[in-house]
Amino acid sequence: MTCPICRKETDPKYRPFCSKRCADIDLGRWLTGAYAIPSEEEDTLAPSDPPAPRPH
């Protein structure tokens, strides 16, 4: 298995990464929004639909 960041061989201690550095790079990408999981909710609303009311 190779590291998804740098493609080096993985280290069992940091799997699926090769090092703490690559694991930290990946975490940083998640925290800054570089990675995002698409939401189905956004896809179902048409641009002209008003936002749903918020509960009080």
PDB file of N, CA and C in Angstrom:
ATOM      1  N   MET A   1       0.851  -1.172   0.000  1.00  0.00           N
ATOM      2  CA  MET A   1       0.000   0.000   0.000  1.00  0.00           C
ATOM      3  C   MET A   1       0.900   1.239   0.000  1.00  0.00           C
ATOM      4  N   THR A   2       0.488   2.269  -0.709  1.00  0.00           N
ATOM      5  CA  THR A   2       1.268   3.500  -0.764  1.00  0.00           C
ATOM      6  C   THR A   2       0.533   4.638  -0.064  1.00  0.00           C
ATOM      7  N   CYS A   3       1.298   5.581   0.399  1.00  0.00           N
ATOM      8  CA  CYS A   3       0.782   6.758   1.088  1.00  0.00           C
ATOM      9  C   CYS A   3      -0.050   7.592   0.095  1.00  0.00           C
ATOM     10  N   PRO A   4      -1.256   8.014   0.476  1.00  0.00           N
ATOM     11  CA  PRO A   4      -2.079   8.803  -0.445  1.00  0.00           C
ATOM     12  C   PRO A   4      -1.550  10.223  -0.670  1.00  0.00           C
ATOM     13  N   ILE A   5      -0.621  10.673   0.154  1.00  0.00           N
ATOM     14  CA  ILE A   5      -0.074  12.025   0.008  1.00  0.00           C
ATOM     15  C   ILE A   5       1.163  12.041  -0.883  1.00  0.00           C
ATOM     16  N   CYS A   6       2.161  11.170  -0.570  1.00  0.00           N
ATOM     17  CA  CYS A   6       3.427  11.232  -1.306  1.00  0.00           C
ATOM     18  C   CYS A   6       3.749   9.976  -2.115  1.00  0.00           C
ATOM     19  N   ARG A   7       2.933   8.959  -1.983  1.00  0.00           N
ATOM     20  CA  ARG A   7       3.075   7.699  -2.734  1.00  0.00           C
ATOM     21  C   ARG A   7       4.241   6.826  -2.285  1.00  0.00           C
ATOM     22  N   LYS A   8       4.860   7.125  -1.125  1.00  0.00           N
ATOM     23  CA  LYS A   8       5.891   6.240  -0.575  1.00  0.00           C
ATOM     24  C   LYS A   8       5.206   5.042   0.089  1.00  0.00           C
ATOM     25  N   GLU A   9       5.990   4.037   0.423  1.00  0.00           N
ATOM     26  CA  GLU A   9       5.465   2.862   1.120  1.00  0.00           C
ATOM     27  C   GLU A   9       4.973   3.275   2.517  1.00  0.00           C
ATOM     28  N   THR A  10       3.848   2.721   2.961  1.00  0.00           N
ATOM     29  CA  THR A  10       3.279   3.110   4.248  1.00  0.00           C
ATOM     30  C   THR A  10       4.055   2.517   5.414  1.00  0.00           C
ATOM     31  N   ASP A  11       3.927   3.181   6.554  1.00  0.00           N
ATOM     32  CA  ASP A  11       4.510   2.719   7.807  1.00  0.00           C
ATOM     33  C   ASP A  11       3.346   2.244   8.672  1.00  0.00           C
ATOM     34  N   PRO A  12       3.410   1.029   9.216  1.00  0.00           N
ATOM     35  CA  PRO A  12       2.299   0.523  10.030  1.00  0.00           C
ATOM     36  C   PRO A  12       1.908   1.461  11.176  1.00  0.00           C
ATOM     37  N   LYS A  13       2.869   2.217  11.698  1.00  0.00           N
ATOM     38  CA  LYS A  13       2.593   3.154  12.797  1.00  0.00           C
ATOM     39  C   LYS A  13       1.667   4.292  12.355  1.00  0.00           C
ATOM     40  N   TYR A  14       1.745   4.690  11.088  1.00  0.00           N
ATOM     41  CA  TYR A  14       0.973   5.833  10.588  1.00  0.00           C
ATOM     42  C   TYR A  14      -0.015   5.452   9.492  1.00  0.00           C
ATOM     43  N   ARG A  15      -0.246   4.188   9.292  1.00  0.00           N
ATOM     44  CA  ARG A  15      -1.083   3.698   8.208  1.00  0.00           C
ATOM     45  C   ARG A  15      -2.402   4.439   8.121  1.00  0.00           C
ATOM     46  N   PRO A  16      -2.846   4.884   6.995  1.00  0.00           N
ATOM     47  CA  PRO A  16      -2.412   4.576   5.644  1.00  0.00           C
ATOM     48  C   PRO A  16      -1.315   5.506   5.123  1.00  0.00           C
ATOM     49  N   PHE A  17      -0.690   6.277   6.009  1.00  0.00           N
ATOM     50  CA  PHE A  17       0.344   7.225   5.604  1.00  0.00           C
ATOM     51  C   PHE A  17       1.731   6.646   5.851  1.00  0.00           C
ATOM     52  N   CYS A  18       2.753   7.320   5.332  1.00  0.00           N
ATOM     53  CA  CYS A  18       4.128   6.857   5.515  1.00  0.00           C
ATOM     54  C   CYS A  18       4.788   7.501   6.720  1.00  0.00           C
ATOM     55  N   SER A  19       4.236   8.623   7.178  1.00  0.00           N
ATOM     56  CA  SER A  19       4.865   9.358   8.272  1.00  0.00           C
ATOM     57  C   SER A  19       3.849  10.265   8.948  1.00  0.00           C
ATOM     58  N   LYS A  20       4.247  10.821  10.100  1.00  0.00           N
ATOM     59  CA  LYS A  20       3.396  11.777  10.805  1.00  0.00           C
ATOM     60  C   LYS A  20       3.209  13.025   9.941  1.00  0.00           C
ATOM     61  N   ARG A  21       4.242  13.406   9.211  1.00  0.00           N
ATOM     62  CA  ARG A  21       4.159  14.583   8.342  1.00  0.00           C
ATOM     63  C   ARG A  21       3.015  14.447   7.340  1.00  0.00           C
ATOM     64  N   CYS A  22       2.936  13.303   6.654  1.00  0.00           N
ATOM     65  CA  CYS A  22       1.880  13.107   5.668  1.00  0.00           C
ATOM     66  C   CYS A  22       0.505  13.010   6.339  1.00  0.00           C
ATOM     67  N   ALA A  23       0.446  12.403   7.518  1.00  0.00           N
ATOM     68  CA  ALA A  23      -0.817  12.344   8.255  1.00  0.00           C
ATOM     69  C   ALA A  23      -1.267  13.758   8.631  1.00  0.00           C
ATOM     70  N   ASP A  24      -0.326  14.611   9.046  1.00  0.00           N
ATOM     71  CA  ASP A  24      -0.659  15.992   9.399  1.00  0.00           C
ATOM     72  C   ASP A  24      -1.086  16.807   8.182  1.00  0.00           C
ATOM     73  N   ILE A  25      -0.464  16.566   7.040  1.00  0.00           N
ATOM     74  CA  ILE A  25      -0.871  17.246   5.803  1.00  0.00           C
ATOM     75  C   ILE A  25      -2.314  16.891   5.479  1.00  0.00           C
ATOM     76  N   ASP A  26      -2.661  15.614   5.580  1.00  0.00           N
ATOM     77  CA  ASP A  26      -4.023  15.172   5.301  1.00  0.00           C
ATOM     78  C   ASP A  26      -5.018  15.810   6.270  1.00  0.00           C
ATOM     79  N   LEU A  27      -4.687  15.825   7.558  1.00  0.00           N
ATOM     80  CA  LEU A  27      -5.565  16.449   8.549  1.00  0.00           C
ATOM     81  C   LEU A  27      -5.752  17.925   8.242  1.00  0.00           C
ATOM     82  N   GLY A  28      -4.671  18.602   7.896  1.00  0.00           N
ATOM     83  CA  GLY A  28      -4.767  20.019   7.548  1.00  0.00           C
ATOM     84  C   GLY A  28      -5.684  20.265   6.363  1.00  0.00           C
ATOM     85  N   ARG A  29      -5.653  19.389   5.394  1.00  0.00           N
ATOM     86  CA  ARG A  29      -6.536  19.532   4.225  1.00  0.00           C
ATOM     87  C   ARG A  29      -8.000  19.399   4.628  1.00  0.00           C
ATOM     88  N   TRP A  30      -8.297  18.471   5.553  1.00  0.00           N
ATOM     89  CA  TRP A  30      -9.671  18.338   6.035  1.00  0.00           C
ATOM     90  C   TRP A  30     -10.088  19.581   6.816  1.00  0.00           C
ATOM     91  N   LEU A  31      -9.201  20.071   7.680  1.00  0.00           N
ATOM     92  CA  LEU A  31      -9.554  21.206   8.534  1.00  0.00           C
ATOM     93  C   LEU A  31      -9.713  22.516   7.768  1.00  0.00           C
ATOM     94  N   THR A  32      -9.005  22.667   6.655  1.00  0.00           N
ATOM     95  CA  THR A  32      -9.126  23.908   5.871  1.00  0.00           C
ATOM     96  C   THR A  32     -10.210  23.832   4.807  1.00  0.00           C
ATOM     97  N   GLY A  33     -10.839  22.664   4.665  1.00  0.00           N
ATOM     98  CA  GLY A  33     -11.907  22.524   3.682  1.00  0.00           C
ATOM     99  C   GLY A  33     -11.424  22.129   2.303  1.00  0.00           C
ATOM    100  N   ALA A  34     -10.160  21.770   2.169  1.00  0.00           N
ATOM    101  CA  ALA A  34      -9.655  21.337   0.867  1.00  0.00           C
ATOM    102  C   ALA A  34     -10.345  20.048   0.422  1.00  0.00           C
ATOM    103  N   TYR A  35     -10.688  19.217   1.405  1.00  0.00           N
ATOM    104  CA  TYR A  35     -11.473  18.017   1.125  1.00  0.00           C
ATOM    105  C   TYR A  35     -12.900  18.320   1.564  1.00  0.00           C
ATOM    106  N   ALA A  36     -13.858  17.858   0.817  1.00  0.00           N
ATOM    107  CA  ALA A  36     -15.253  18.049   1.204  1.00  0.00           C
ATOM    108  C   ALA A  36     -16.069  16.858   0.735  1.00  0.00           C
ATOM    109  N   ILE A  37     -17.029  16.488   1.539  1.00  0.00           N
ATOM    110  CA  ILE A  37     -17.948  15.420   1.178  1.00  0.00           C
ATOM    111  C   ILE A  37     -19.206  16.091   0.669  1.00  0.00           C
ATOM    112  N   PRO A  38     -19.599  15.830  -0.570  1.00  0.00           N
ATOM    113  CA  PRO A  38     -20.787  16.485  -1.114  1.00  0.00           C
ATOM    114  C   PRO A  38     -22.046  16.103  -0.328  1.00  0.00           C
ATOM    115  N   SER A  39     -22.916  17.055  -0.204  1.00  0.00           N
ATOM    116  CA  SER A  39     -24.170  16.839   0.501  1.00  0.00           C
ATOM    117  C   SER A  39     -25.301  16.707  -0.502  1.00  0.00           C
ATOM    118  N   GLU A  40     -26.166  15.743  -0.293  1.00  0.00           N
ATOM    119  CA  GLU A  40     -27.313  15.585  -1.183  1.00  0.00           C
ATOM    120  C   GLU A  40     -28.315  16.707  -0.995  1.00  0.00           C
ATOM    121  N   GLU A  41     -28.349  17.303   0.193  1.00  0.00           N
ATOM    122  CA  GLU A  41     -29.298  18.376   0.480  1.00  0.00           C
ATOM    123  C   GLU A  41     -29.101  19.550  -0.470  1.00  0.00           C
ATOM    124  N   GLU A  42     -27.868  19.930  -0.735  1.00  0.00           N
ATOM    125  CA  GLU A  42     -27.602  21.040  -1.640  1.00  0.00           C
ATOM    126  C   GLU A  42     -28.075  20.732  -3.059  1.00  0.00           C
ATOM    127  N   ASP A  43     -27.942  19.475  -3.471  1.00  0.00           N
ATOM    128  CA  ASP A  43     -28.320  19.086  -4.823  1.00  0.00           C
ATOM    129  C   ASP A  43     -29.833  19.085  -5.032  1.00  0.00           C
ATOM    130  N   THR A  44     -30.623  18.934  -3.973  1.00  0.00           N
ATOM    131  CA  THR A  44     -32.066  18.825  -4.134  1.00  0.00           C
ATOM    132  C   THR A  44     -32.766  20.172  -4.185  1.00  0.00           C
ATOM    133  N   LEU A  45     -32.098  21.233  -3.740  1.00  0.00           N
ATOM    134  CA  LEU A  45     -32.723  22.548  -3.752  1.00  0.00           C
ATOM    135  C   LEU A  45     -32.435  23.273  -5.064  1.00  0.00           C
ATOM    136  N   ALA A  46     -33.474  23.828  -5.640  1.00  0.00           N
ATOM    137  CA  ALA A  46     -33.299  24.647  -6.835  1.00  0.00           C
ATOM    138  C   ALA A  46     -32.817  26.022  -6.389  1.00  0.00           C
ATOM    139  N   PRO A  47     -32.066  26.731  -7.212  1.00  0.00           N
ATOM    140  CA  PRO A  47     -31.556  28.048  -6.820  1.00  0.00           C
ATOM    141  C   PRO A  47     -32.654  29.032  -6.446  1.00  0.00           C
ATOM    142  N   SER A  48     -33.848  28.886  -6.982  1.00  0.00           N
ATOM    143  CA  SER A  48     -34.933  29.818  -6.687  1.00  0.00           C
ATOM    144  C   SER A  48     -35.738  29.423  -5.453  1.00  0.00           C
ATOM    145  N   ASP A  49     -35.488  28.243  -4.870  1.00  0.00           N
ATOM    146  CA  ASP A  49     -36.213  27.817  -3.678  1.00  0.00           C
ATOM    147  C   ASP A  49     -35.785  28.658  -2.482  1.00  0.00           C
ATOM    148  N   PRO A  50     -36.760  29.128  -1.685  1.00  0.00           N
ATOM    149  CA  PRO A  50     -36.380  29.879  -0.475  1.00  0.00           C
ATOM    150  C   PRO A  50     -35.799  28.926   0.561  1.00  0.00           C
ATOM    151  N   PRO A  51     -34.987  29.429   1.469  1.00  0.00           N
ATOM    152  CA  PRO A  51     -34.439  28.553   2.501  1.00  0.00           C
ATOM    153  C   PRO A  51     -35.539  28.037   3.423  1.00  0.00           C
ATOM    154  N   ALA A  52     -35.330  26.870   3.988  1.00  0.00           N
ATOM    155  CA  ALA A  52     -36.311  26.291   4.899  1.00  0.00           C
ATOM    156  C   ALA A  52     -36.345  27.108   6.179  1.00  0.00           C
ATOM    157  N   PRO A  53     -37.534  27.249   6.795  1.00  0.00           N
ATOM    158  CA  PRO A  53     -37.624  28.014   8.052  1.00  0.00           C
ATOM    159  C   PRO A  53     -36.845  27.298   9.158  1.00  0.00           C
ATOM    160  N   ARG A  54     -36.243  28.093  10.022  1.00  0.00           N
ATOM    161  CA  ARG A  54     -35.478  27.532  11.130  1.00  0.00           C
ATOM    162  C   ARG A  54     -36.387  27.406  12.354  1.00  0.00           C
ATOM    163  N   PRO A  55     -36.310  26.282  13.079  1.00  0.00           N
ATOM    164  CA  PRO A  55     -37.131  26.131  14.289  1.00  0.00           C
ATOM    165  C   PRO A  55     -36.680  27.121  15.365  1.00  0.00           C
ATOM    166  N   HIS A  56     -37.624  27.550  16.180  1.00  0.00           N
ATOM    167  CA  HIS A  56     -37.316  28.530  17.240  1.00  0.00           C
ATOM    168  C   HIS A  56     -36.920  27.853  18.502  1.00  0.00           C
TER     169      HIS A  56
END
